[in-house]
Full PDB file with SEQRES, HELIX, SHEET, SSBOND, CRYST1, ORIGX, SCALE, CONECT and MASTER records, all heavy atoms in Angstrom:
SEQRES   1 A   33  LEU GLY PHE PHE VAL LEU THR SER PHE ALA GLU THR ILE          
SEQRES   2 A   33  TRP SER ILE LEU HIS ILE ASN TYR LEU MET PRO LEU GLN          
SEQRES   3 A   33  ARG GLU ALA LEU LYS ASP PRO                                  
HELIX    1 AA1 GLY A    2  LEU A   17  1                                  16    
HELIX    2 AA2 HIS A   18  LEU A   22  3                                   5    
HELIX    3 AA3 MET A   23  ALA A   29  1                                   7    
CRYST1    1.000    1.000    1.000  90.00  90.00  90.00 P 1           1          
ORIGX1      1.000000  0.000000  0.000000        0.00000                         
ORIGX2      0.000000  1.000000  0.000000        0.00000                         
ORIGX3      0.000000  0.000000  1.000000        0.00000                         
SCALE1      1.000000  0.000000  0.000000        0.00000                         
SCALE2      0.000000  1.000000  0.000000        0.00000                         
SCALE3      0.000000  0.000000  1.000000        0.00000                         
ATOM      1  N   LEU A   1     -94.768 -34.079  69.008  1.00  0.00           N  
ATOM      2  CA  LEU A   1     -94.534 -33.663  70.388  1.00  0.00           C  
ATOM      3  C   LEU A   1     -95.707 -32.853  70.925  1.00  0.00           C  
ATOM      4  O   LEU A   1     -96.024 -32.922  72.110  1.00  0.00           O  
ATOM      5  CB  LEU A   1     -93.239 -32.854  70.481  1.00  0.00           C  
ATOM      6  CG  LEU A   1     -91.959 -33.619  70.149  1.00  0.00           C  
ATOM      7  CD1 LEU A   1     -90.737 -32.706  70.273  1.00  0.00           C  
ATOM      8  CD2 LEU A   1     -91.798 -34.831  71.043  1.00  0.00           C  
ATOM      9  N   GLY A   2     -96.353 -32.088  70.045  1.00  0.00           N  
ATOM     10  CA  GLY A   2     -97.534 -31.343  70.473  1.00  0.00           C  
ATOM     11  C   GLY A   2     -98.656 -32.266  70.909  1.00  0.00           C  
ATOM     12  O   GLY A   2     -99.312 -32.028  71.930  1.00  0.00           O  
ATOM     13  N   PHE A   3     -98.887 -33.341  70.157  1.00  0.00           N  
ATOM     14  CA  PHE A   3     -99.896 -34.327  70.555  1.00  0.00           C  
ATOM     15  C   PHE A   3     -99.510 -34.994  71.868  1.00  0.00           C  
ATOM     16  O   PHE A   3    -100.373 -35.287  72.706  1.00  0.00           O  
ATOM     17  CB  PHE A   3    -100.072 -35.380  69.462  1.00  0.00           C  
ATOM     18  CG  PHE A   3    -101.115 -35.028  68.449  1.00  0.00           C  
ATOM     19  CD1 PHE A   3    -100.754 -34.523  67.211  1.00  0.00           C  
ATOM     20  CD2 PHE A   3    -102.455 -35.187  68.729  1.00  0.00           C  
ATOM     21  CE1 PHE A   3    -101.712 -34.192  66.261  1.00  0.00           C  
ATOM     22  CE2 PHE A   3    -103.433 -34.862  67.797  1.00  0.00           C  
ATOM     23  CZ  PHE A   3    -103.055 -34.360  66.560  1.00  0.00           C  
ATOM     24  N   PHE A   4     -98.216 -35.255  72.055  1.00  0.00           N  
ATOM     25  CA  PHE A   4     -97.765 -35.876  73.296  1.00  0.00           C  
ATOM     26  C   PHE A   4     -98.038 -34.964  74.485  1.00  0.00           C  
ATOM     27  O   PHE A   4     -98.525 -35.419  75.531  1.00  0.00           O  
ATOM     28  CB  PHE A   4     -96.271 -36.189  73.203  1.00  0.00           C  
ATOM     29  CG  PHE A   4     -95.682 -36.730  74.471  1.00  0.00           C  
ATOM     30  CD1 PHE A   4     -96.001 -38.009  74.913  1.00  0.00           C  
ATOM     31  CD2 PHE A   4     -94.812 -35.979  75.228  1.00  0.00           C  
ATOM     32  CE1 PHE A   4     -95.468 -38.514  76.079  1.00  0.00           C  
ATOM     33  CE2 PHE A   4     -94.266 -36.471  76.399  1.00  0.00           C  
ATOM     34  CZ  PHE A   4     -94.596 -37.739  76.828  1.00  0.00           C  
ATOM     35  N   VAL A   5     -97.748 -33.676  74.341  1.00  0.00           N  
ATOM     36  CA  VAL A   5     -98.015 -32.719  75.423  1.00  0.00           C  
ATOM     37  C   VAL A   5     -99.517 -32.613  75.683  1.00  0.00           C  
ATOM     38  O   VAL A   5     -99.964 -32.621  76.840  1.00  0.00           O  
ATOM     39  CB  VAL A   5     -97.422 -31.341  75.068  1.00  0.00           C  
ATOM     40  CG1 VAL A   5     -97.876 -30.282  76.076  1.00  0.00           C  
ATOM     41  CG2 VAL A   5     -95.902 -31.406  75.047  1.00  0.00           C  
ATOM     42  N   LEU A   6    -100.311 -32.522  74.615  1.00  0.00           N  
ATOM     43  CA  LEU A   6    -101.761 -32.423  74.772  1.00  0.00           C  
ATOM     44  C   LEU A   6    -102.320 -33.644  75.491  1.00  0.00           C  
ATOM     45  O   LEU A   6    -103.148 -33.523  76.411  1.00  0.00           O  
ATOM     46  CB  LEU A   6    -102.417 -32.274  73.393  1.00  0.00           C  
ATOM     47  CG  LEU A   6    -103.947 -32.281  73.356  1.00  0.00           C  
ATOM     48  CD1 LEU A   6    -104.501 -31.074  74.100  1.00  0.00           C  
ATOM     49  CD2 LEU A   6    -104.446 -32.290  71.910  1.00  0.00           C  
ATOM     50  N   THR A   7    -101.868 -34.833  75.094  1.00  0.00           N  
ATOM     51  CA  THR A   7    -102.353 -36.061  75.722  1.00  0.00           C  
ATOM     52  C   THR A   7    -101.916 -36.141  77.175  1.00  0.00           C  
ATOM     53  O   THR A   7    -102.681 -36.578  78.046  1.00  0.00           O  
ATOM     54  CB  THR A   7    -101.847 -37.286  74.946  1.00  0.00           C  
ATOM     55  OG1 THR A   7    -102.145 -37.123  73.559  1.00  0.00           O  
ATOM     56  CG2 THR A   7    -102.502 -38.555  75.454  1.00  0.00           C  
ATOM     57  N   SER A   8    -100.691 -35.731  77.469  1.00  0.00           N  
ATOM     58  CA  SER A   8    -100.206 -35.756  78.852  1.00  0.00           C  
ATOM     59  C   SER A   8    -101.027 -34.826  79.731  1.00  0.00           C  
ATOM     60  O   SER A   8    -101.388 -35.172  80.863  1.00  0.00           O  
ATOM     61  CB  SER A   8     -98.722 -35.356  78.897  1.00  0.00           C  
ATOM     62  OG  SER A   8     -97.934 -36.236  78.137  1.00  0.00           O  
ATOM     63  N   PHE A   9    -101.314 -33.629  79.217  1.00  0.00           N  
ATOM     64  CA  PHE A   9    -102.167 -32.699  79.956  1.00  0.00           C  
ATOM     65  C   PHE A   9    -103.533 -33.330  80.222  1.00  0.00           C  
ATOM     66  O   PHE A   9    -104.027 -33.333  81.362  1.00  0.00           O  
ATOM     67  CB  PHE A   9    -102.340 -31.409  79.155  1.00  0.00           C  
ATOM     68  CG  PHE A   9    -101.561 -30.252  79.689  1.00  0.00           C  
ATOM     69  CD1 PHE A   9    -100.636 -29.596  78.894  1.00  0.00           C  
ATOM     70  CD2 PHE A   9    -101.740 -29.810  80.985  1.00  0.00           C  
ATOM     71  CE1 PHE A   9     -99.904 -28.530  79.371  1.00  0.00           C  
ATOM     72  CE2 PHE A   9    -101.011 -28.741  81.481  1.00  0.00           C  
ATOM     73  CZ  PHE A   9    -100.095 -28.099  80.668  1.00  0.00           C  
ATOM     74  N   ALA A  10    -104.148 -33.863  79.172  1.00  0.00           N  
ATOM     75  CA  ALA A  10    -105.501 -34.402  79.297  1.00  0.00           C  
ATOM     76  C   ALA A  10    -105.540 -35.585  80.256  1.00  0.00           C  
ATOM     77  O   ALA A  10    -106.453 -35.697  81.090  1.00  0.00           O  
ATOM     78  CB  ALA A  10    -106.017 -34.814  77.918  1.00  0.00           C  
ATOM     79  N   GLU A  11    -104.555 -36.487  80.151  1.00  0.00           N  
ATOM     80  CA  GLU A  11    -104.529 -37.658  81.017  1.00  0.00           C  
ATOM     81  C   GLU A  11    -104.410 -37.259  82.489  1.00  0.00           C  
ATOM     82  O   GLU A  11    -105.081 -37.818  83.355  1.00  0.00           O  
ATOM     83  CB  GLU A  11    -103.355 -38.561  80.633  1.00  0.00           C  
ATOM     84  CG  GLU A  11    -103.668 -39.542  79.537  1.00  0.00           C  
ATOM     85  CD  GLU A  11    -104.525 -40.690  80.037  1.00  0.00           C  
ATOM     86  OE1 GLU A  11    -104.117 -41.374  80.989  1.00  0.00           O  
ATOM     87  OE2 GLU A  11    -105.602 -40.889  79.465  1.00  0.00           O  
ATOM     88  N   THR A  12    -103.541 -36.312  82.782  1.00  0.00           N  
ATOM     89  CA  THR A  12    -103.313 -35.940  84.178  1.00  0.00           C  
ATOM     90  C   THR A  12    -104.499 -35.177  84.758  1.00  0.00           C  
ATOM     91  O   THR A  12    -104.883 -35.407  85.910  1.00  0.00           O  
ATOM     92  CB  THR A  12    -102.035 -35.101  84.301  1.00  0.00           C  
ATOM     93  OG1 THR A  12    -100.985 -35.730  83.575  1.00  0.00           O  
ATOM     94  CG2 THR A  12    -101.616 -34.978  85.750  1.00  0.00           C  
ATOM     95  N   ILE A  13    -105.077 -34.273  83.977  1.00  0.00           N  
ATOM     96  CA  ILE A  13    -106.259 -33.553  84.456  1.00  0.00           C  
ATOM     97  C   ILE A  13    -107.398 -34.535  84.704  1.00  0.00           C  
ATOM     98  O   ILE A  13    -108.113 -34.456  85.717  1.00  0.00           O  
ATOM     99  CB  ILE A  13    -106.669 -32.465  83.448  1.00  0.00           C  
ATOM    100  CG1 ILE A  13    -105.623 -31.344  83.441  1.00  0.00           C  
ATOM    101  CG2 ILE A  13    -108.041 -31.899  83.799  1.00  0.00           C  
ATOM    102  CD1 ILE A  13    -105.888 -30.272  82.399  1.00  0.00           C  
ATOM    103  N   TRP A  14    -107.556 -35.493  83.775  1.00  0.00           N  
ATOM    104  CA  TRP A  14    -108.611 -36.492  83.960  1.00  0.00           C  
ATOM    105  C   TRP A  14    -108.353 -37.318  85.217  1.00  0.00           C  
ATOM    106  O   TRP A  14    -109.292 -37.667  85.933  1.00  0.00           O  
ATOM    107  CB  TRP A  14    -108.702 -37.396  82.742  1.00  0.00           C  
ATOM    108  CG  TRP A  14    -109.579 -38.582  82.972  1.00  0.00           C  
ATOM    109  CD1 TRP A  14    -109.189 -39.863  83.206  1.00  0.00           C  
ATOM    110  CD2 TRP A  14    -111.002 -38.581  83.051  1.00  0.00           C  
ATOM    111  NE1 TRP A  14    -110.277 -40.673  83.414  1.00  0.00           N  
ATOM    112  CE2 TRP A  14    -111.403 -39.906  83.321  1.00  0.00           C  
ATOM    113  CE3 TRP A  14    -111.973 -37.597  82.911  1.00  0.00           C  
ATOM    114  CZ2 TRP A  14    -112.744 -40.262  83.447  1.00  0.00           C  
ATOM    115  CZ3 TRP A  14    -113.297 -37.965  83.039  1.00  0.00           C  
ATOM    116  CH2 TRP A  14    -113.668 -39.274  83.300  1.00  0.00           C  
ATOM    117  N   SER A  15    -107.096 -37.650  85.488  1.00  0.00           N  
ATOM    118  CA  SER A  15    -106.792 -38.464  86.669  1.00  0.00           C  
ATOM    119  C   SER A  15    -107.164 -37.734  87.956  1.00  0.00           C  
ATOM    120  O   SER A  15    -107.660 -38.341  88.905  1.00  0.00           O  
ATOM    121  CB  SER A  15    -105.305 -38.833  86.683  1.00  0.00           C  
ATOM    122  OG  SER A  15    -104.492 -37.701  86.941  1.00  0.00           O  
ATOM    123  N   ILE A  16    -106.934 -36.414  87.971  1.00  0.00           N  
ATOM    124  CA  ILE A  16    -107.288 -35.631  89.159  1.00  0.00           C  
ATOM    125  C   ILE A  16    -108.810 -35.575  89.316  1.00  0.00           C  
ATOM    126  O   ILE A  16    -109.348 -35.709  90.431  1.00  0.00           O  
ATOM    127  CB  ILE A  16    -106.684 -34.221  89.057  1.00  0.00           C  
ATOM    128  CG1 ILE A  16    -105.150 -34.316  89.065  1.00  0.00           C  
ATOM    129  CG2 ILE A  16    -107.177 -33.330  90.187  1.00  0.00           C  
ATOM    130  CD1 ILE A  16    -104.455 -32.994  88.831  1.00  0.00           C  
ATOM    131  N   LEU A  17    -109.519 -35.379  88.203  1.00  0.00           N  
ATOM    132  CA  LEU A  17    -110.981 -35.421  88.265  1.00  0.00           C  
ATOM    133  C   LEU A  17    -111.462 -36.811  88.670  1.00  0.00           C  
ATOM    134  O   LEU A  17    -112.440 -36.953  89.409  1.00  0.00           O  
ATOM    135  CB  LEU A  17    -111.569 -35.057  86.899  1.00  0.00           C  
ATOM    136  CG  LEU A  17    -111.396 -33.606  86.438  1.00  0.00           C  
ATOM    137  CD1 LEU A  17    -111.865 -33.447  85.004  1.00  0.00           C  
ATOM    138  CD2 LEU A  17    -112.148 -32.647  87.347  1.00  0.00           C  
ATOM    139  N   HIS A  18    -110.760 -37.832  88.214  1.00  0.00           N  
ATOM    140  CA  HIS A  18    -111.158 -39.213  88.497  1.00  0.00           C  
ATOM    141  C   HIS A  18    -111.100 -39.513  89.985  1.00  0.00           C  
ATOM    142  O   HIS A  18    -112.048 -40.050  90.568  1.00  0.00           O  
ATOM    143  CB  HIS A  18    -110.245 -40.163  87.721  1.00  0.00           C  
ATOM    144  CG  HIS A  18    -110.547 -41.606  87.949  1.00  0.00           C  
ATOM    145  ND1 HIS A  18    -109.936 -42.341  88.944  1.00  0.00           N  
ATOM    146  CD2 HIS A  18    -111.385 -42.457  87.321  1.00  0.00           C  
ATOM    147  CE1 HIS A  18    -110.400 -43.573  88.916  1.00  0.00           C  
ATOM    148  NE2 HIS A  18    -111.268 -43.678  87.936  1.00  0.00           N  
ATOM    149  N   ILE A  19    -109.995 -39.158  90.631  1.00  0.00           N  
ATOM    150  CA  ILE A  19    -109.835 -39.524  92.040  1.00  0.00           C  
ATOM    151  C   ILE A  19    -110.752 -38.688  92.923  1.00  0.00           C  
ATOM    152  O   ILE A  19    -111.205 -39.164  93.980  1.00  0.00           O  
ATOM    153  CB  ILE A  19    -108.356 -39.356  92.470  1.00  0.00           C  
ATOM    154  CG1 ILE A  19    -108.138 -39.980  93.852  1.00  0.00           C  
ATOM    155  CG2 ILE A  19    -107.942 -37.907  92.476  1.00  0.00           C  
ATOM    156  CD1 ILE A  19    -106.686 -39.991  94.276  1.00  0.00           C  
ATOM    157  N   ASN A  20    -111.076 -37.466  92.511  1.00  0.00           N  
ATOM    158  CA  ASN A  20    -111.876 -36.596  93.371  1.00  0.00           C  
ATOM    159  C   ASN A  20    -113.377 -36.716  93.140  1.00  0.00           C  
ATOM    160  O   ASN A  20    -114.162 -36.499  94.069  1.00  0.00           O  
ATOM    161  CB  ASN A  20    -111.455 -35.132  93.155  1.00  0.00           C  
ATOM    162  CG  ASN A  20    -110.082 -34.841  93.722  1.00  0.00           C  
ATOM    163  OD1 ASN A  20    -109.841 -35.017  94.906  1.00  0.00           O  
ATOM    164  ND2 ASN A  20    -109.167 -34.409  92.878  1.00  0.00           N  
ATOM    165  N   TYR A  21    -113.774 -37.071  91.922  1.00  0.00           N  
ATOM    166  CA  TYR A  21    -115.195 -37.048  91.598  1.00  0.00           C  
ATOM    167  C   TYR A  21    -115.721 -38.385  91.079  1.00  0.00           C  
ATOM    168  O   TYR A  21    -116.814 -38.801  91.459  1.00  0.00           O  
ATOM    169  CB  TYR A  21    -115.481 -35.954  90.550  1.00  0.00           C  
ATOM    170  CG  TYR A  21    -115.156 -34.571  91.036  1.00  0.00           C  
ATOM    171  CD1 TYR A  21    -114.012 -33.900  90.605  1.00  0.00           C  
ATOM    172  CD2 TYR A  21    -115.995 -33.918  91.940  1.00  0.00           C  
ATOM    173  CE1 TYR A  21    -113.706 -32.623  91.055  1.00  0.00           C  
ATOM    174  CE2 TYR A  21    -115.703 -32.650  92.394  1.00  0.00           C  
ATOM    175  CZ  TYR A  21    -114.559 -32.003  91.955  1.00  0.00           C  
ATOM    176  OH  TYR A  21    -114.265 -30.750  92.411  1.00  0.00           O  
ATOM    177  N   LEU A  22    -114.968 -39.035  90.191  1.00  0.00           N  
ATOM    178  CA  LEU A  22    -115.506 -40.211  89.535  1.00  0.00           C  
ATOM    179  C   LEU A  22    -115.421 -41.467  90.403  1.00  0.00           C  
ATOM    180  O   LEU A  22    -116.313 -42.317  90.364  1.00  0.00           O  
ATOM    181  CB  LEU A  22    -114.776 -40.449  88.211  1.00  0.00           C  
ATOM    182  CG  LEU A  22    -115.440 -41.454  87.272  1.00  0.00           C  
ATOM    183  CD1 LEU A  22    -116.843 -40.980  86.900  1.00  0.00           C  
ATOM    184  CD2 LEU A  22    -114.610 -41.658  86.006  1.00  0.00           C  
ATOM    185  N   MET A  23    -114.355 -41.594  91.193  1.00  0.00           N  
ATOM    186  CA  MET A  23    -114.194 -42.788  92.022  1.00  0.00           C  
ATOM    187  C   MET A  23    -115.369 -42.999  92.976  1.00  0.00           C  
ATOM    188  O   MET A  23    -115.871 -44.126  93.107  1.00  0.00           O  
ATOM    189  CB  MET A  23    -112.880 -42.728  92.787  1.00  0.00           C  
ATOM    190  CG  MET A  23    -111.658 -43.105  91.967  1.00  0.00           C  
ATOM    191  SD  MET A  23    -111.627 -44.861  91.509  1.00  0.00           S  
ATOM    192  CE  MET A  23    -111.136 -45.593  93.062  1.00  0.00           C  
ATOM    193  N   PRO A  24    -115.859 -41.958  93.684  1.00  0.00           N  
ATOM    194  CA  PRO A  24    -117.037 -42.170  94.550  1.00  0.00           C  
ATOM    195  C   PRO A  24    -118.260 -42.660  93.769  1.00  0.00           C  
ATOM    196  O   PRO A  24    -119.023 -43.491  94.275  1.00  0.00           O  
ATOM    197  CB  PRO A  24    -117.280 -40.779  95.161  1.00  0.00           C  
ATOM    198  CG  PRO A  24    -115.946 -40.116  95.128  1.00  0.00           C  
ATOM    199  CD  PRO A  24    -115.306 -40.596  93.870  1.00  0.00           C  
ATOM    200  N   LEU A  25    -118.441 -42.141  92.549  1.00  0.00           N  
ATOM    201  CA  LEU A  25    -119.566 -42.597  91.737  1.00  0.00           C  
ATOM    202  C   LEU A  25    -119.390 -44.049  91.304  1.00  0.00           C  
ATOM    203  O   LEU A  25    -120.355 -44.820  91.251  1.00  0.00           O  
ATOM    204  CB  LEU A  25    -119.718 -41.697  90.509  1.00  0.00           C  
ATOM    205  CG  LEU A  25    -120.036 -40.222  90.772  1.00  0.00           C  
ATOM    206  CD1 LEU A  25    -120.140 -39.459  89.462  1.00  0.00           C  
ATOM    207  CD2 LEU A  25    -121.330 -40.083  91.570  1.00  0.00           C  
ATOM    208  N   GLN A  26    -118.144 -44.441  91.002  1.00  0.00           N  
ATOM    209  CA  GLN A  26    -117.896 -45.823  90.614  1.00  0.00           C  
ATOM    210  C   GLN A  26    -118.143 -46.782  91.771  1.00  0.00           C  
ATOM    211  O   GLN A  26    -118.659 -47.881  91.568  1.00  0.00           O  
ATOM    212  CB  GLN A  26    -116.459 -45.971  90.100  1.00  0.00           C  
ATOM    213  CG  GLN A  26    -116.233 -45.378  88.712  1.00  0.00           C  
ATOM    214  CD  GLN A  26    -114.822 -45.579  88.236  1.00  0.00           C  
ATOM    215  OE1 GLN A  26    -113.880 -45.576  89.017  1.00  0.00           O  
ATOM    216  NE2 GLN A  26    -114.653 -45.747  86.926  1.00  0.00           N  
ATOM    217  N   ARG A  27    -117.788 -46.357  92.975  1.00  0.00           N  
ATOM    218  CA  ARG A  27    -118.037 -47.223  94.141  1.00  0.00           C  
ATOM    219  C   ARG A  27    -119.537 -47.454  94.321  1.00  0.00           C  
ATOM    220  O   ARG A  27    -119.961 -48.556  94.677  1.00  0.00           O  
ATOM    221  CB  ARG A  27    -117.422 -46.596  95.387  1.00  0.00           C  
ATOM    222  CG  ARG A  27    -115.897 -46.516  95.344  1.00  0.00           C  
ATOM    223  CD  ARG A  27    -115.322 -46.034  96.669  1.00  0.00           C  
ATOM    224  NE  ARG A  27    -113.878 -45.872  96.567  1.00  0.00           N  
ATOM    225  CZ  ARG A  27    -113.252 -44.704  96.509  1.00  0.00           C  
ATOM    226  NH1 ARG A  27    -113.960 -43.586  96.568  1.00  0.00           N  
ATOM    227  NH2 ARG A  27    -111.944 -44.651  96.415  1.00  0.00           N  
ATOM    228  N   GLU A  28    -120.323 -46.406  94.086  1.00  0.00           N  
ATOM    229  CA  GLU A  28    -121.771 -46.581  94.181  1.00  0.00           C  
ATOM    230  C   GLU A  28    -122.284 -47.493  93.071  1.00  0.00           C  
ATOM    231  O   GLU A  28    -123.150 -48.345  93.290  1.00  0.00           O  
ATOM    232  CB  GLU A  28    -122.463 -45.212  94.096  1.00  0.00           C  
ATOM    233  CG  GLU A  28    -122.330 -44.369  95.353  1.00  0.00           C  
ATOM    234  CD  GLU A  28    -123.083 -44.992  96.524  1.00  0.00           C  
ATOM    235  OE1 GLU A  28    -124.189 -45.523  96.295  1.00  0.00           O  
ATOM    236  OE2 GLU A  28    -122.562 -44.954  97.650  1.00  0.00           O  
ATOM    237  N   ALA A  29    -121.743 -47.317  91.870  1.00  0.00           N  
ATOM    238  CA  ALA A  29    -122.218 -48.099  90.732  1.00  0.00           C  
ATOM    239  C   ALA A  29    -121.909 -49.581  90.901  1.00  0.00           C  
ATOM    240  O   ALA A  29    -122.685 -50.443  90.466  1.00  0.00           O  
ATOM    241  CB  ALA A  29    -121.598 -47.575  89.442  1.00  0.00           C  
ATOM    242  N   LEU A  30    -120.785 -49.905  91.554  1.00  0.00           N  
ATOM    243  CA  LEU A  30    -120.373 -51.301  91.675  1.00  0.00           C  
ATOM    244  C   LEU A  30    -121.215 -52.076  92.679  1.00  0.00           C  
ATOM    245  O   LEU A  30    -121.012 -53.282  92.836  1.00  0.00           O  
ATOM    246  CB  LEU A  30    -118.895 -51.382  92.056  1.00  0.00           C  
ATOM    247  CG  LEU A  30    -117.924 -50.977  90.942  1.00  0.00           C  
ATOM    248  CD1 LEU A  30    -116.489 -51.085  91.416  1.00  0.00           C  
ATOM    249  CD2 LEU A  30    -118.138 -51.817  89.700  1.00  0.00           C  
ATOM    250  N   LYS A  31    -122.136 -51.413  93.346  1.00  0.00           N  
ATOM    251  CA  LYS A  31    -123.090 -52.150  94.169  1.00  0.00           C  
ATOM    252  C   LYS A  31    -124.062 -52.953  93.300  1.00  0.00           C  
ATOM    253  O   LYS A  31    -124.689 -53.893  93.773  1.00  0.00           O  
ATOM    254  CB  LYS A  31    -123.871 -51.181  95.068  1.00  0.00           C  
ATOM    255  CG  LYS A  31    -122.997 -50.484  96.107  1.00  0.00           C  
ATOM    256  CD  LYS A  31    -123.821 -49.515  96.933  1.00  0.00           C  
ATOM    257  CE  LYS A  31    -122.960 -48.811  97.977  1.00  0.00           C  
ATOM    258  NZ  LYS A  31    -123.748 -47.838  98.786  1.00  0.00           N  
ATOM    259  N   ASP A  32    -124.154 -52.559  92.034  1.00  0.00           N  
ATOM    260  CA  ASP A  32    -125.000 -53.272  91.080  1.00  0.00           C  
ATOM    261  C   ASP A  32    -124.186 -54.424  90.474  1.00  0.00           C  
ATOM    262  O   ASP A  32    -123.125 -54.189  89.882  1.00  0.00           O  
ATOM    263  CB  ASP A  32    -125.453 -52.311  89.980  1.00  0.00           C  
ATOM    264  CG  ASP A  32    -126.385 -52.979  88.972  1.00  0.00           C  
ATOM    265  OD1 ASP A  32    -126.652 -54.186  89.114  1.00  0.00           O  
ATOM    266  OD2 ASP A  32    -126.830 -52.276  88.049  1.00  0.00           O  
ATOM    267  N   PRO A  33    -124.634 -55.675  90.597  1.00  0.00           N  
ATOM    268  CA  PRO A  33    -123.875 -56.815  90.050  1.00  0.00           C  
ATOM    269  C   PRO A  33    -123.613 -56.696  88.550  1.00  0.00           C  
ATOM    270  O   PRO A  33    -122.568 -57.144  88.076  1.00  0.00           O  
ATOM    271  CB  PRO A  33    -124.771 -58.016  90.377  1.00  0.00           C  
ATOM    272  CG  PRO A  33    -125.611 -57.577  91.527  1.00  0.00           C  
ATOM    273  CD  PRO A  33    -125.837 -56.117  91.325  1.00  0.00           C  
TER     274      PRO A  33                                                      
MASTER        0    0    0    3    0    0    0    6  273    1    0    3          
END                                                                             
């Protein structure tokens, strides 16, 4: 259960970082075929 809580925390924090910071970088990167 400790691993489950740790993974849930990490996944959700990463998702928030993803939508705010990583998605704009991915949109720029996808201009490259």
